[in-house]
């Protein structure tokens, strides 16, 4: 049985974990601590405070916000 390839923002997750050394759950917790800040405010925070690249930060925020909207 083969795993489905990750799509959308989640496709960045393996690279994010490898590059920055933290599990996705930790990044999502950091993002949720920033609520009610908007998408781009949180992206800027991740870039400035944690050194994430724009694509990785954007993917994490987009996925987390979509997950929390249900």
PDB file of N, CA and C in Angstrom:
ATOM      1  N   UNK A   1       0.841  -1.180   0.000  1.00  0.00           N
ATOM      2  CA  UNK A   1       0.000   0.000   0.000  1.00  0.00           C
ATOM      3  C   UNK A   1       0.889   1.247   0.000  1.00  0.00           C
ATOM      4  N   UNK A   2       0.635   2.156  -0.894  1.00  0.00           N
ATOM      5  CA  UNK A   2       1.448   3.365  -0.982  1.00  0.00           C
ATOM      6  C   UNK A   2       0.714   4.536  -0.354  1.00  0.00           C
ATOM      7  N   UNK A   3       1.516   5.455   0.182  1.00  0.00           N
ATOM      8  CA  UNK A   3       0.929   6.657   0.778  1.00  0.00           C
ATOM      9  C   UNK A   3       0.585   7.657  -0.316  1.00  0.00           C
ATOM     10  N   UNK A   4      -0.480   8.400  -0.098  1.00  0.00           N
ATOM     11  CA  UNK A   4      -0.840   9.475  -1.027  1.00  0.00           C
ATOM     12  C   UNK A   4       0.183  10.588  -0.899  1.00  0.00           C
ATOM     13  N   UNK A   5       0.584  11.170  -2.007  1.00  0.00           N
ATOM     14  CA  UNK A   5       1.505  12.317  -1.890  1.00  0.00           C
ATOM     15  C   UNK A   5       0.786  13.501  -1.243  1.00  0.00           C
ATOM     16  N   UNK A   6       1.527  14.238  -0.446  1.00  0.00           N
ATOM     17  CA  UNK A   6       0.951  15.427   0.181  1.00  0.00           C
ATOM     18  C   UNK A   6       0.679  16.466  -0.895  1.00  0.00           C
ATOM     19  N   UNK A   7      -0.418  17.184  -0.726  1.00  0.00           N
ATOM     20  CA  UNK A   7      -0.786  18.226  -1.683  1.00  0.00           C
ATOM     21  C   UNK A   7      -0.941  19.552  -0.960  1.00  0.00           C
ATOM     22  N   UNK A   8      -0.896  20.628  -1.731  1.00  0.00           N
ATOM     23  CA  UNK A   8      -1.112  21.963  -1.181  1.00  0.00           C
ATOM     24  C   UNK A   8      -0.046  22.331  -0.170  1.00  0.00           C
ATOM     25  N   UNK A   9      -0.403  23.163   0.795  1.00  0.00           N
ATOM     26  CA  UNK A   9       0.580  23.626   1.773  1.00  0.00           C
ATOM     27  C   UNK A   9       1.275  22.486   2.527  1.00  0.00           C
ATOM     28  N   UNK A  10       0.573  21.392   2.759  1.00  0.00           N
ATOM     29  CA  UNK A  10       1.165  20.276   3.504  1.00  0.00           C
ATOM     30  C   UNK A  10       2.334  19.637   2.761  1.00  0.00           C
ATOM     31  N   UNK A  11       2.427  19.860   1.461  1.00  0.00           N
ATOM     32  CA  UNK A  11       3.538  19.281   0.703  1.00  0.00           C
ATOM     33  C   UNK A  11       4.887  19.862   1.153  1.00  0.00           C
ATOM     34  N   UNK A  12       4.859  21.002   1.812  1.00  0.00           N
ATOM     35  CA  UNK A  12       6.076  21.623   2.324  1.00  0.00           C
ATOM     36  C   UNK A  12       6.518  21.037   3.674  1.00  0.00           C
ATOM     37  N   UNK A  13       5.648  20.317   4.357  1.00  0.00           N
ATOM     38  CA  UNK A  13       5.916  19.907   5.731  1.00  0.00           C
ATOM     39  C   UNK A  13       7.192  19.089   5.920  1.00  0.00           C
ATOM     40  N   UNK A  14       7.472  18.076   5.094  1.00  0.00           N
ATOM     41  CA  UNK A  14       8.728  17.340   5.304  1.00  0.00           C
ATOM     42  C   UNK A  14       9.964  18.236   5.197  1.00  0.00           C
ATOM     43  N   UNK A  15       9.953  19.146   4.247  1.00  0.00           N
ATOM     44  CA  UNK A  15      11.078  20.064   4.076  1.00  0.00           C
ATOM     45  C   UNK A  15      11.190  21.023   5.261  1.00  0.00           C
ATOM     46  N   UNK A  16      10.068  21.489   5.762  1.00  0.00           N
ATOM     47  CA  UNK A  16      10.067  22.405   6.909  1.00  0.00           C
ATOM     48  C   UNK A  16      10.670  21.713   8.119  1.00  0.00           C
ATOM     49  N   UNK A  17      10.241  20.494   8.395  1.00  0.00           N
ATOM     50  CA  UNK A  17      10.769  19.763   9.550  1.00  0.00           C
ATOM     51  C   UNK A  17      12.272  19.517   9.397  1.00  0.00           C
ATOM     52  N   UNK A  18      12.694  19.135   8.218  1.00  0.00           N
ATOM     53  CA  UNK A  18      14.115  18.864   7.975  1.00  0.00           C
ATOM     54  C   UNK A  18      14.951  20.142   8.066  1.00  0.00           C
ATOM     55  N   UNK A  19      14.464  21.221   7.478  1.00  0.00           N
ATOM     56  CA  UNK A  19      15.222  22.466   7.416  1.00  0.00           C
ATOM     57  C   UNK A  19      15.319  23.160   8.769  1.00  0.00           C
ATOM     58  N   UNK A  20      14.225  23.182   9.521  1.00  0.00           N
ATOM     59  CA  UNK A  20      14.192  23.976  10.750  1.00  0.00           C
ATOM     60  C   UNK A  20      14.226  23.142  12.030  1.00  0.00           C
ATOM     61  N   UNK A  21      14.177  21.814  11.902  1.00  0.00           N
ATOM     62  CA  UNK A  21      14.377  20.937  13.047  1.00  0.00           C
ATOM     63  C   UNK A  21      13.281  20.910  14.095  1.00  0.00           C
ATOM     64  N   UNK A  22      12.093  21.335  13.713  1.00  0.00           N
ATOM     65  CA  UNK A  22      10.965  21.305  14.659  1.00  0.00           C
ATOM     66  C   UNK A  22       9.806  20.588  13.987  1.00  0.00           C
ATOM     67  N   UNK A  23       9.040  19.827  14.765  1.00  0.00           N
ATOM     68  CA  UNK A  23       7.865  19.167  14.171  1.00  0.00           C
ATOM     69  C   UNK A  23       6.783  20.184  13.809  1.00  0.00           C
ATOM     70  N   UNK A  24       5.967  19.818  12.855  1.00  0.00           N
ATOM     71  CA  UNK A  24       4.891  20.693  12.384  1.00  0.00           C
ATOM     72  C   UNK A  24       3.958  21.076  13.530  1.00  0.00           C
ATOM     73  N   UNK A  25       3.718  20.176  14.447  1.00  0.00           N
ATOM     74  CA  UNK A  25       2.832  20.479  15.582  1.00  0.00           C
ATOM     75  C   UNK A  25       3.341  21.684  16.381  1.00  0.00           C
ATOM     76  N   UNK A  26       4.655  21.806  16.534  1.00  0.00           N
ATOM     77  CA  UNK A  26       5.210  22.963  17.254  1.00  0.00           C
ATOM     78  C   UNK A  26       4.981  24.254  16.476  1.00  0.00           C
ATOM     79  N   UNK A  27       5.171  24.207  15.156  1.00  0.00           N
ATOM     80  CA  UNK A  27       4.927  25.395  14.341  1.00  0.00           C
ATOM     81  C   UNK A  27       3.466  25.811  14.417  1.00  0.00           C
ATOM     82  N   UNK A  28       2.572  24.833  14.359  1.00  0.00           N
ATOM     83  CA  UNK A  28       1.139  25.150  14.438  1.00  0.00           C
ATOM     84  C   UNK A  28       0.794  25.771  15.790  1.00  0.00           C
ATOM     85  N   UNK A  29       1.396  25.287  16.855  1.00  0.00           N
ATOM     86  CA  UNK A  29       1.150  25.861  18.185  1.00  0.00           C
ATOM     87  C   UNK A  29       1.616  27.319  18.232  1.00  0.00           C
ATOM     88  N   UNK A  30       2.789  27.601  17.660  1.00  0.00           N
ATOM     89  CA  UNK A  30       3.281  28.985  17.608  1.00  0.00           C
ATOM     90  C   UNK A  30       2.324  29.874  16.825  1.00  0.00           C
ATOM     91  N   UNK A  31       1.825  29.362  15.732  1.00  0.00           N
ATOM     92  CA  UNK A  31       0.885  30.132  14.906  1.00  0.00           C
ATOM     93  C   UNK A  31      -0.379  30.431  15.694  1.00  0.00           C
ATOM     94  N   UNK A  32      -0.902  29.428  16.363  1.00  0.00           N
ATOM     95  CA  UNK A  32      -2.157  29.608  17.118  1.00  0.00           C
ATOM     96  C   UNK A  32      -1.991  30.582  18.283  1.00  0.00           C
ATOM     97  N   UNK A  33      -0.789  30.685  18.813  1.00  0.00           N
ATOM     98  CA  UNK A  33      -0.525  31.658  19.875  1.00  0.00           C
ATOM     99  C   UNK A  33      -0.628  33.097  19.364  1.00  0.00           C
ATOM    100  N   UNK A  34      -0.502  33.290  18.063  1.00  0.00           N
ATOM    101  CA  UNK A  34      -0.543  34.629  17.471  1.00  0.00           C
ATOM    102  C   UNK A  34      -1.956  35.101  17.152  1.00  0.00           C
ATOM    103  N   UNK A  35      -2.939  34.216  17.233  1.00  0.00           N
ATOM    104  CA  UNK A  35      -4.318  34.625  16.942  1.00  0.00           C
ATOM    105  C   UNK A  35      -4.699  35.750  17.877  1.00  0.00           C
ATOM    106  N   UNK A  36      -5.447  36.721  17.440  1.00  0.00           N
ATOM    107  CA  UNK A  36      -6.210  36.837  16.199  1.00  0.00           C
ATOM    108  C   UNK A  36      -5.465  37.554  15.074  1.00  0.00           C
ATOM    109  N   UNK A  37      -4.146  37.578  15.103  1.00  0.00           N
ATOM    110  CA  UNK A  37      -3.393  38.226  14.022  1.00  0.00           C
ATOM    111  C   UNK A  37      -3.782  37.620  12.681  1.00  0.00           C
ATOM    112  N   UNK A  38      -3.649  38.398  11.636  1.00  0.00           N
ATOM    113  CA  UNK A  38      -3.988  37.948  10.300  1.00  0.00           C
ATOM    114  C   UNK A  38      -2.889  37.104   9.668  1.00  0.00           C
ATOM    115  N   UNK A  39      -3.226  36.519   8.535  1.00  0.00           N
ATOM    116  CA  UNK A  39      -2.334  35.621   7.816  1.00  0.00           C
ATOM    117  C   UNK A  39      -0.939  36.231   7.609  1.00  0.00           C
ATOM    118  N   UNK A  40      -0.873  37.380   6.976  1.00  0.00           N
ATOM    119  CA  UNK A  40       0.427  37.965   6.648  1.00  0.00           C
ATOM    120  C   UNK A  40       1.182  38.448   7.880  1.00  0.00           C
ATOM    121  N   UNK A  41       0.472  38.839   8.928  1.00  0.00           N
ATOM    122  CA  UNK A  41       1.141  39.218  10.168  1.00  0.00           C
ATOM    123  C   UNK A  41       1.849  38.010  10.776  1.00  0.00           C
ATOM    124  N   UNK A  42       1.202  36.855  10.722  1.00  0.00           N
ATOM    125  CA  UNK A  42       1.802  35.640  11.273  1.00  0.00           C
ATOM    126  C   UNK A  42       2.964  35.181  10.392  1.00  0.00           C
ATOM    127  N   UNK A  43       2.810  35.276   9.080  1.00  0.00           N
ATOM    128  CA  UNK A  43       3.903  34.936   8.164  1.00  0.00           C
ATOM    129  C   UNK A  43       5.117  35.809   8.482  1.00  0.00           C
ATOM    130  N   UNK A  44       4.907  37.090   8.637  1.00  0.00           N
ATOM    131  CA  UNK A  44       6.007  38.009   8.952  1.00  0.00           C
ATOM    132  C   UNK A  44       6.673  37.658  10.271  1.00  0.00           C
ATOM    133  N   UNK A  45       5.881  37.293  11.264  1.00  0.00           N
ATOM    134  CA  UNK A  45       6.403  36.871  12.564  1.00  0.00           C
ATOM    135  C   UNK A  45       7.317  35.649  12.415  1.00  0.00           C
ATOM    136  N   UNK A  46       6.855  34.639  11.687  1.00  0.00           N
ATOM    137  CA  UNK A  46       7.652  33.426  11.516  1.00  0.00           C
ATOM    138  C   UNK A  46       8.964  33.713  10.785  1.00  0.00           C
ATOM    139  N   UNK A  47       8.902  34.590   9.813  1.00  0.00           N
ATOM    140  CA  UNK A  47      10.106  34.955   9.063  1.00  0.00           C
ATOM    141  C   UNK A  47      11.082  35.737   9.940  1.00  0.00           C
ATOM    142  N   UNK A  48      10.580  36.726  10.656  1.00  0.00           N
ATOM    143  CA  UNK A  48      11.434  37.605  11.446  1.00  0.00           C
ATOM    144  C   UNK A  48      11.973  36.939  12.711  1.00  0.00           C
ATOM    145  N   UNK A  49      11.136  36.219  13.406  1.00  0.00           N
ATOM    146  CA  UNK A  49      11.512  35.665  14.708  1.00  0.00           C
ATOM    147  C   UNK A  49      12.105  34.259  14.637  1.00  0.00           C
ATOM    148  N   UNK A  50      11.802  33.521  13.564  1.00  0.00           N
ATOM    149  CA  UNK A  50      12.237  32.126  13.492  1.00  0.00           C
ATOM    150  C   UNK A  50      13.019  31.794  12.224  1.00  0.00           C
ATOM    151  N   UNK A  51      13.223  32.783  11.364  1.00  0.00           N
ATOM    152  CA  UNK A  51      14.058  32.597  10.194  1.00  0.00           C
ATOM    153  C   UNK A  51      13.480  31.728   9.083  1.00  0.00           C
ATOM    154  N   UNK A  52      12.178  31.534   9.087  1.00  0.00           N
ATOM    155  CA  UNK A  52      11.569  30.741   8.017  1.00  0.00           C
ATOM    156  C   UNK A  52      11.574  31.523   6.714  1.00  0.00           C
ATOM    157  N   UNK A  53      11.684  30.784   5.609  1.00  0.00           N
ATOM    158  CA  UNK A  53      11.520  31.400   4.307  1.00  0.00           C
ATOM    159  C   UNK A  53      10.052  31.723   4.084  1.00  0.00           C
ATOM    160  N   UNK A  54       9.786  32.604   3.134  1.00  0.00           N
ATOM    161  CA  UNK A  54       8.411  33.027   2.892  1.00  0.00           C
ATOM    162  C   UNK A  54       7.498  31.858   2.519  1.00  0.00           C
ATOM    163  N   UNK A  55       7.936  31.002   1.625  1.00  0.00           N
ATOM    164  CA  UNK A  55       7.098  29.881   1.194  1.00  0.00           C
ATOM    165  C   UNK A  55       6.761  28.938   2.327  1.00  0.00           C
ATOM    166  N   UNK A  56       7.735  28.628   3.165  1.00  0.00           N
ATOM    167  CA  UNK A  56       7.494  27.737   4.289  1.00  0.00           C
ATOM    168  C   UNK A  56       6.559  28.380   5.312  1.00  0.00           C
ATOM    169  N   UNK A  57       6.801  29.635   5.628  1.00  0.00           N
ATOM    170  CA  UNK A  57       5.940  30.336   6.589  1.00  0.00           C
ATOM    171  C   UNK A  57       4.510  30.428   6.058  1.00  0.00           C
ATOM    172  N   UNK A  58       4.381  30.778   4.791  1.00  0.00           N
ATOM    173  CA  UNK A  58       3.064  30.913   4.188  1.00  0.00           C
ATOM    174  C   UNK A  58       2.314  29.578   4.186  1.00  0.00           C
ATOM    175  N   UNK A  59       3.008  28.503   3.869  1.00  0.00           N
ATOM    176  CA  UNK A  59       2.385  27.175   3.849  1.00  0.00           C
ATOM    177  C   UNK A  59       1.887  26.782   5.239  1.00  0.00           C
ATOM    178  N   UNK A  60       2.712  27.003   6.248  1.00  0.00           N
ATOM    179  CA  UNK A  60       2.306  26.667   7.619  1.00  0.00           C
ATOM    180  C   UNK A  60       1.081  27.458   8.056  1.00  0.00           C
ATOM    181  N   UNK A  61       1.102  28.752   7.796  1.00  0.00           N
ATOM    182  CA  UNK A  61      -0.013  29.607   8.217  1.00  0.00           C
ATOM    183  C   UNK A  61      -1.280  29.250   7.443  1.00  0.00           C
ATOM    184  N   UNK A  62      -1.178  29.095   6.141  1.00  0.00           N
ATOM    185  CA  UNK A  62      -2.355  28.767   5.328  1.00  0.00           C
ATOM    186  C   UNK A  62      -2.977  27.450   5.791  1.00  0.00           C
ATOM    187  N   UNK A  63      -2.148  26.450   6.019  1.00  0.00           N
ATOM    188  CA  UNK A  63      -2.670  25.144   6.429  1.00  0.00           C
ATOM    189  C   UNK A  63      -3.322  25.231   7.813  1.00  0.00           C
ATOM    190  N   UNK A  64      -2.664  25.914   8.737  1.00  0.00           N
ATOM    191  CA  UNK A  64      -3.193  26.016  10.096  1.00  0.00           C
ATOM    192  C   UNK A  64      -4.501  26.798  10.134  1.00  0.00           C
ATOM    193  N   UNK A  65      -4.558  27.909   9.425  1.00  0.00           N
ATOM    194  CA  UNK A  65      -5.795  28.691   9.402  1.00  0.00           C
ATOM    195  C   UNK A  65      -6.931  27.901   8.772  1.00  0.00           C
ATOM    196  N   UNK A  66      -6.654  27.186   7.675  1.00  0.00           N
ATOM    197  CA  UNK A  66      -7.693  26.381   7.012  1.00  0.00           C
ATOM    198  C   UNK A  66      -8.153  25.253   7.936  1.00  0.00           C
ATOM    199  N   UNK A  67      -7.229  24.642   8.639  1.00  0.00           N
ATOM    200  CA  UNK A  67      -7.555  23.557   9.578  1.00  0.00           C
ATOM    201  C   UNK A  67      -8.464  24.074  10.692  1.00  0.00           C
ATOM    202  N   UNK A  68      -8.164  25.259  11.193  1.00  0.00           N
ATOM    203  CA  UNK A  68      -8.930  25.804  12.319  1.00  0.00           C
ATOM    204  C   UNK A  68     -10.298  26.347  11.899  1.00  0.00           C
ATOM    205  N   UNK A  69     -10.441  26.694  10.637  1.00  0.00           N
ATOM    206  CA  UNK A  69     -11.763  27.131  10.145  1.00  0.00           C
ATOM    207  C   UNK A  69     -12.716  25.966  10.033  1.00  0.00           C
ATOM    208  N   UNK A  70     -12.163  24.769   9.932  1.00  0.00           N
ATOM    209  CA  UNK A  70     -12.971  23.547   9.876  1.00  0.00           C
ATOM    210  C   UNK A  70     -13.383  23.278   8.501  1.00  0.00           C
TER     211      UNK A  70
END
